[in-house]
Amino acid sequence: MSARKRDEPVRLTRIYTRGGDRGQTSLGDGSRVPKLDCRIGAFGAVDELNSQLGLALAAVPDRFRPWLERIQNDLFDVGADLSVPFGVTDRLRVTQPAIDELERLCDELNANLPELRSFVLPGGTEAAARLHVARAVCRRAERDALTADAEHGINPLVLVYLNRLSDFLFIAARAANADAGLDEPLWKPGG
């Protein structure tokens, strides 16, 4: 077996390690914590969100692909950030430019959408429905990150990133319906 190259983020020759068989796991700094630790829950929710984006990628219009693929990579950075205690320096952290890019995408997509005059129901096209599911998971990941912040302190930009990402996913779902020429499902009081 050759040594891992410096630009190679990970090399796994075996997936199972047995290290977590008794309900403990390692954070990114090597410290061991229970798998019920809220930081594990937070980056687990981020992992679930990333999986939902992978599912959405199977249905979205081609123009969405580069955005979602970039976000999937960013979510690995979010997970890495959450997995290392915030006081540890020289580690991968969420940065303002990632948030700025989400805001730029939100503004770009939203510019061509009709003004909202009602609440939007999740659904419409398959792509929009999958993006709405990802948005809901993103909101849960944000709540889990808030819990981790309250108990341990985390990078505040993680919280901003997740909040902005849920906004983007909402707008992207609306845009997916618009791209398909489909009216989005709207809430009607009383059904």
C-alpha atoms as a PDB file:
ATOM      1  CA  MET A   1       0.000   0.000   0.000  1.00  0.00           C
ATOM      2  CA  SER A   2       1.428   3.396  -0.964  1.00  0.00           C
ATOM      3  CA  ALA A   3       1.227   6.475   1.222  1.00  0.00           C
ATOM      4  CA  ARG A   4      -1.567   8.985   0.694  1.00  0.00           C
ATOM      5  CA  LYS A   5      -0.539  11.934  -1.478  1.00  0.00           C
ATOM      6  CA  ARG A   6      -0.745  15.417   0.022  1.00  0.00           C
ATOM      7  CA  ASP A   7      -3.545  16.501  -2.386  1.00  0.00           C
ATOM      8  CA  GLU A   8      -5.493  13.273  -1.780  1.00  0.00           C
ATOM      9  CA  PRO A   9      -8.126  14.044   0.901  1.00  0.00           C
ATOM     10  CA  VAL A  10      -8.580  10.473   2.056  1.00  0.00           C
ATOM     11  CA  ARG A  11      -7.542   6.955   1.156  1.00  0.00           C
ATOM     12  CA  LEU A  12      -9.710   4.150   2.427  1.00  0.00           C
ATOM     13  CA  THR A  13      -8.653   0.572   1.930  1.00  0.00           C
ATOM     14  CA  ARG A  14     -11.261  -0.771   4.337  1.00  0.00           C
ATOM     15  CA  ILE A  15     -14.646   0.808   5.072  1.00  0.00           C
ATOM     16  CA  TYR A  16     -15.397  -0.766   8.436  1.00  0.00           C
ATOM     17  CA  THR A  17     -13.073  -0.104  11.359  1.00  0.00           C
ATOM     18  CA  ARG A  18     -15.042  -1.507  14.310  1.00  0.00           C
ATOM     19  CA  GLY A  19     -14.112   1.703  16.127  1.00  0.00           C
ATOM     20  CA  GLY A  20     -17.727   2.745  16.548  1.00  0.00           C
ATOM     21  CA  ASP A  21     -19.190  -0.579  17.588  1.00  0.00           C
ATOM     22  CA  ARG A  22     -19.701   0.588  21.173  1.00  0.00           C
ATOM     23  CA  GLY A  23     -21.447   3.854  20.313  1.00  0.00           C
ATOM     24  CA  GLN A  24     -18.394   6.123  20.124  1.00  0.00           C
ATOM     25  CA  THR A  25     -16.885   7.891  17.133  1.00  0.00           C
ATOM     26  CA  SER A  26     -14.064  10.321  16.433  1.00  0.00           C
ATOM     27  CA  LEU A  27     -14.321  14.014  15.713  1.00  0.00           C
ATOM     28  CA  GLY A  28     -12.026  15.535  13.108  1.00  0.00           C
ATOM     29  CA  ASP A  29      -9.419  16.369  15.760  1.00  0.00           C
ATOM     30  CA  GLY A  30      -9.237  12.725  16.869  1.00  0.00           C
ATOM     31  CA  SER A  31     -11.185  13.152  20.112  1.00  0.00           C
ATOM     32  CA  ARG A  32     -13.737  10.427  20.849  1.00  0.00           C
ATOM     33  CA  VAL A  33     -17.360  11.314  21.569  1.00  0.00           C
ATOM     34  CA  PRO A  34     -20.625   9.375  21.856  1.00  0.00           C
ATOM     35  CA  LYS A  35     -22.454   8.949  18.561  1.00  0.00           C
ATOM     36  CA  LEU A  36     -25.356  10.736  20.267  1.00  0.00           C
ATOM     37  CA  ASP A  37     -23.261  13.935  20.550  1.00  0.00           C
ATOM     38  CA  CYS A  38     -25.167  16.797  18.925  1.00  0.00           C
ATOM     39  CA  ARG A  39     -22.203  17.555  16.618  1.00  0.00           C
ATOM     40  CA  ILE A  40     -22.498  14.050  15.187  1.00  0.00           C
ATOM     41  CA  GLY A  41     -26.229  14.679  14.708  1.00  0.00           C
ATOM     42  CA  ALA A  42     -25.493  17.974  12.954  1.00  0.00           C
ATOM     43  CA  PHE A  43     -23.040  16.623  10.421  1.00  0.00           C
ATOM     44  CA  GLY A  44     -25.216  13.532  10.002  1.00  0.00           C
ATOM     45  CA  ALA A  45     -28.098  15.819   8.974  1.00  0.00           C
ATOM     46  CA  VAL A  46     -25.719  17.610   6.576  1.00  0.00           C
ATOM     47  CA  ASP A  47     -24.789  14.208   5.106  1.00  0.00           C
ATOM     48  CA  GLU A  48     -28.484  13.376   4.693  1.00  0.00           C
ATOM     49  CA  LEU A  49     -28.980  16.733   2.974  1.00  0.00           C
ATOM     50  CA  ASN A  50     -26.113  15.956   0.613  1.00  0.00           C
ATOM     51  CA  SER A  51     -27.768  12.621  -0.202  1.00  0.00           C
ATOM     52  CA  GLN A  52     -31.047  14.417  -0.939  1.00  0.00           C
ATOM     53  CA  LEU A  53     -29.187  16.724  -3.323  1.00  0.00           C
ATOM     54  CA  GLY A  54     -27.776  13.644  -5.057  1.00  0.00           C
ATOM     55  CA  LEU A  55     -31.342  12.433  -5.504  1.00  0.00           C
ATOM     56  CA  ALA A  56     -32.417  15.855  -6.789  1.00  0.00           C
ATOM     57  CA  LEU A  57     -29.562  15.803  -9.320  1.00  0.00           C
ATOM     58  CA  ALA A  58     -31.234  12.795 -10.958  1.00  0.00           C
ATOM     59  CA  ALA A  59     -34.235  14.959 -11.895  1.00  0.00           C
ATOM     60  CA  VAL A  60     -33.209  18.620 -12.194  1.00  0.00           C
ATOM     61  CA  PRO A  61     -32.776  20.574 -15.443  1.00  0.00           C
ATOM     62  CA  ASP A  62     -29.210  20.530 -16.764  1.00  0.00           C
ATOM     63  CA  ARG A  63     -28.573  24.171 -15.870  1.00  0.00           C
ATOM     64  CA  PHE A  64     -29.018  23.302 -12.161  1.00  0.00           C
ATOM     65  CA  ARG A  65     -26.336  20.583 -12.211  1.00  0.00           C
ATOM     66  CA  PRO A  66     -23.226  22.767 -11.738  1.00  0.00           C
ATOM     67  CA  TRP A  67     -24.868  24.628  -8.843  1.00  0.00           C
ATOM     68  CA  LEU A  68     -25.959  21.493  -7.003  1.00  0.00           C
ATOM     69  CA  GLU A  69     -22.663  19.708  -7.629  1.00  0.00           C
ATOM     70  CA  ARG A  70     -20.786  22.721  -6.189  1.00  0.00           C
ATOM     71  CA  ILE A  71     -23.128  22.755  -3.182  1.00  0.00           C
ATOM     72  CA  GLN A  72     -22.554  19.039  -2.612  1.00  0.00           C
ATOM     73  CA  ASN A  73     -18.829  19.753  -2.387  1.00  0.00           C
ATOM     74  CA  ASP A  74     -19.503  22.715  -0.085  1.00  0.00           C
ATOM     75  CA  LEU A  75     -21.544  20.453   2.184  1.00  0.00           C
ATOM     76  CA  PHE A  76     -18.479  18.258   2.693  1.00  0.00           C
ATOM     77  CA  ASP A  77     -16.754  21.437   3.911  1.00  0.00           C
ATOM     78  CA  VAL A  78     -19.709  22.124   6.238  1.00  0.00           C
ATOM     79  CA  GLY A  79     -19.468  18.602   7.630  1.00  0.00           C
ATOM     80  CA  ALA A  80     -15.709  18.920   8.066  1.00  0.00           C
ATOM     81  CA  ASP A  81     -16.202  22.234   9.859  1.00  0.00           C
ATOM     82  CA  LEU A  82     -18.785  20.717  12.215  1.00  0.00           C
ATOM     83  CA  SER A  83     -16.569  17.703  12.912  1.00  0.00           C
ATOM     84  CA  VAL A  84     -13.681  19.721  14.340  1.00  0.00           C
ATOM     85  CA  PRO A  85     -14.136  21.770  17.520  1.00  0.00           C
ATOM     86  CA  PHE A  86     -14.265  25.444  16.579  1.00  0.00           C
ATOM     87  CA  GLY A  87     -11.218  26.458  18.632  1.00  0.00           C
ATOM     88  CA  VAL A  88      -8.958  24.128  16.641  1.00  0.00           C
ATOM     89  CA  THR A  89      -7.115  26.208  14.061  1.00  0.00           C
ATOM     90  CA  ASP A  90      -5.755  25.390  10.627  1.00  0.00           C
ATOM     91  CA  ARG A  91      -8.756  23.286   9.623  1.00  0.00           C
ATOM     92  CA  LEU A  92     -11.256  23.483   6.798  1.00  0.00           C
ATOM     93  CA  ARG A  93     -13.949  26.030   7.671  1.00  0.00           C
ATOM     94  CA  VAL A  94     -16.985  27.491   5.897  1.00  0.00           C
ATOM     95  CA  THR A  95     -16.090  30.941   4.577  1.00  0.00           C
ATOM     96  CA  GLN A  96     -18.000  34.039   3.550  1.00  0.00           C
ATOM     97  CA  PRO A  97     -17.337  33.543  -0.208  1.00  0.00           C
ATOM     98  CA  ALA A  98     -19.398  30.306  -0.135  1.00  0.00           C
ATOM     99  CA  ILE A  99     -22.302  32.251   1.379  1.00  0.00           C
ATOM    100  CA  ASP A 100     -21.832  35.081  -1.106  1.00  0.00           C
ATOM    101  CA  GLU A 101     -22.083  32.580  -3.968  1.00  0.00           C
ATOM    102  CA  LEU A 102     -25.357  31.191  -2.594  1.00  0.00           C
ATOM    103  CA  GLU A 103     -26.745  34.730  -2.356  1.00  0.00           C
ATOM    104  CA  ARG A 104     -25.664  35.420  -5.937  1.00  0.00           C
ATOM    105  CA  LEU A 105     -27.431  32.259  -7.124  1.00  0.00           C
ATOM    106  CA  CYS A 106     -30.556  33.165  -5.130  1.00  0.00           C
ATOM    107  CA  ASP A 107     -30.671  36.609  -6.746  1.00  0.00           C
ATOM    108  CA  GLU A 108     -29.998  35.212 -10.228  1.00  0.00           C
ATOM    109  CA  LEU A 109     -32.749  32.578 -10.050  1.00  0.00           C
ATOM    110  CA  ASN A 110     -35.262  34.741  -8.234  1.00  0.00           C
ATOM    111  CA  ALA A 111     -34.977  37.613 -10.741  1.00  0.00           C
ATOM    112  CA  ASN A 112     -37.030  35.707 -13.345  1.00  0.00           C
ATOM    113  CA  LEU A 113     -39.676  34.293 -10.999  1.00  0.00           C
ATOM    114  CA  PRO A 114     -43.076  35.856 -10.411  1.00  0.00           C
ATOM    115  CA  GLU A 115     -43.606  37.654  -7.131  1.00  0.00           C
ATOM    116  CA  LEU A 116     -44.958  35.403  -4.393  1.00  0.00           C
ATOM    117  CA  ARG A 117     -48.566  36.105  -3.454  1.00  0.00           C
ATOM    118  CA  SER A 118     -49.249  32.920  -1.504  1.00  0.00           C
ATOM    119  CA  PHE A 119     -47.381  30.167   0.308  1.00  0.00           C
ATOM    120  CA  VAL A 120     -45.892  27.581  -2.042  1.00  0.00           C
ATOM    121  CA  LEU A 121     -46.765  23.949  -1.440  1.00  0.00           C
ATOM    122  CA  PRO A 122     -43.943  21.461  -1.990  1.00  0.00           C
ATOM    123  CA  GLY A 123     -44.449  19.766  -5.335  1.00  0.00           C
ATOM    124  CA  GLY A 124     -44.996  20.401  -8.979  1.00  0.00           C
ATOM    125  CA  THR A 125     -42.339  18.692 -11.053  1.00  0.00           C
ATOM    126  CA  GLU A 126     -40.315  15.790  -9.729  1.00  0.00           C
ATOM    127  CA  ALA A 127     -37.262  18.070  -9.638  1.00  0.00           C
ATOM    128  CA  ALA A 128     -39.100  20.721  -7.618  1.00  0.00           C
ATOM    129  CA  ALA A 129     -40.470  18.123  -5.201  1.00  0.00           C
ATOM    130  CA  ARG A 130     -36.983  16.691  -4.613  1.00  0.00           C
ATOM    131  CA  LEU A 131     -35.566  20.183  -4.069  1.00  0.00           C
ATOM    132  CA  HIS A 132     -38.313  20.897  -1.530  1.00  0.00           C
ATOM    133  CA  VAL A 133     -37.431  17.707   0.370  1.00  0.00           C
ATOM    134  CA  ALA A 134     -33.774  18.813   0.365  1.00  0.00           C
ATOM    135  CA  ARG A 135     -34.888  22.232   1.666  1.00  0.00           C
ATOM    136  CA  ALA A 136     -36.772  20.634   4.558  1.00  0.00           C
ATOM    137  CA  VAL A 137     -33.752  18.474   5.438  1.00  0.00           C
ATOM    138  CA  CYS A 138     -31.577  21.599   5.231  1.00  0.00           C
ATOM    139  CA  ARG A 139     -33.803  23.325   7.799  1.00  0.00           C
ATOM    140  CA  ARG A 140     -33.381  20.340  10.117  1.00  0.00           C
ATOM    141  CA  ALA A 141     -29.605  20.393   9.604  1.00  0.00           C
ATOM    142  CA  GLU A 142     -29.666  24.068  10.532  1.00  0.00           C
ATOM    143  CA  ARG A 143     -31.603  23.313  13.746  1.00  0.00           C
ATOM    144  CA  ASP A 144     -29.154  20.513  14.598  1.00  0.00           C
ATOM    145  CA  ALA A 145     -26.239  22.901  13.983  1.00  0.00           C
ATOM    146  CA  LEU A 146     -27.902  25.450  16.283  1.00  0.00           C
ATOM    147  CA  THR A 147     -28.046  22.782  19.001  1.00  0.00           C
ATOM    148  CA  ALA A 148     -24.355  21.995  18.459  1.00  0.00           C
ATOM    149  CA  ASP A 149     -23.581  25.706  18.660  1.00  0.00           C
ATOM    150  CA  ALA A 150     -25.489  26.083  21.929  1.00  0.00           C
ATOM    151  CA  GLU A 151     -23.683  23.117  23.502  1.00  0.00           C
ATOM    152  CA  HIS A 152     -20.175  23.364  22.043  1.00  0.00           C
ATOM    153  CA  GLY A 153     -19.850  26.508  19.909  1.00  0.00           C
ATOM    154  CA  ILE A 154     -19.392  26.154  16.157  1.00  0.00           C
ATOM    155  CA  ASN A 155     -18.282  28.374  13.306  1.00  0.00           C
ATOM    156  CA  PRO A 156     -21.110  30.945  13.009  1.00  0.00           C
ATOM    157  CA  LEU A 157     -20.742  30.891   9.218  1.00  0.00           C
ATOM    158  CA  VAL A 158     -22.009  27.278   9.194  1.00  0.00           C
ATOM    159  CA  LEU A 159     -25.343  28.559  10.471  1.00  0.00           C
ATOM    160  CA  VAL A 160     -25.453  31.348   7.895  1.00  0.00           C
ATOM    161  CA  TYR A 161     -24.522  28.936   5.086  1.00  0.00           C
ATOM    162  CA  LEU A 162     -27.274  26.464   5.990  1.00  0.00           C
ATOM    163  CA  ASN A 163     -29.855  29.238   6.318  1.00  0.00           C
ATOM    164  CA  ARG A 164     -28.930  30.667   2.928  1.00  0.00           C
ATOM    165  CA  LEU A 165     -28.856  27.200   1.369  1.00  0.00           C
ATOM    166  CA  SER A 166     -32.452  26.550   2.419  1.00  0.00           C
ATOM    167  CA  ASP A 167     -33.402  29.843   0.752  1.00  0.00           C
ATOM    168  CA  PHE A 168     -31.598  28.782  -2.413  1.00  0.00           C
ATOM    169  CA  LEU A 169     -33.315  25.375  -2.455  1.00  0.00           C
ATOM    170  CA  PHE A 170     -36.726  27.030  -2.113  1.00  0.00           C
ATOM    171  CA  ILE A 171     -35.965  29.375  -5.015  1.00  0.00           C
ATOM    172  CA  ALA A 172     -34.478  26.521  -7.064  1.00  0.00           C
ATOM    173  CA  ALA A 173     -37.658  24.460  -6.571  1.00  0.00           C
ATOM    174  CA  ARG A 174     -39.729  27.397  -7.826  1.00  0.00           C
ATOM    175  CA  ALA A 175     -37.371  27.791 -10.792  1.00  0.00           C
ATOM    176  CA  ALA A 176     -37.605  24.076 -11.619  1.00  0.00           C
ATOM    177  CA  ASN A 177     -41.378  24.401 -11.920  1.00  0.00           C
ATOM    178  CA  ALA A 178     -41.025  27.597 -13.964  1.00  0.00           C
ATOM    179  CA  ASP A 179     -38.499  25.948 -16.309  1.00  0.00           C
ATOM    180  CA  ALA A 180     -41.025  23.174 -16.933  1.00  0.00           C
ATOM    181  CA  GLY A 181     -43.788  25.716 -17.620  1.00  0.00           C
ATOM    182  CA  LEU A 182     -45.743  24.405 -14.653  1.00  0.00           C
ATOM    183  CA  ASP A 183     -47.668  26.578 -12.240  1.00  0.00           C
ATOM    184  CA  GLU A 184     -46.393  25.969  -8.762  1.00  0.00           C
ATOM    185  CA  PRO A 185     -48.827  24.533  -6.248  1.00  0.00           C
ATOM    186  CA  LEU A 186     -50.052  27.299  -3.954  1.00  0.00           C
ATOM    187  CA  TRP A 187     -51.679  27.137  -0.545  1.00  0.00           C
ATOM    188  CA  LYS A 188     -55.362  27.951  -0.521  1.00  0.00           C
ATOM    189  CA  PRO A 189     -56.816  28.872   2.876  1.00  0.00           C
ATOM    190  CA  GLY A 190     -59.324  26.236   3.930  1.00  0.00           C
ATOM    191  CA  GLY A 191     -58.131  23.797   1.291  1.00  0.00           C
END
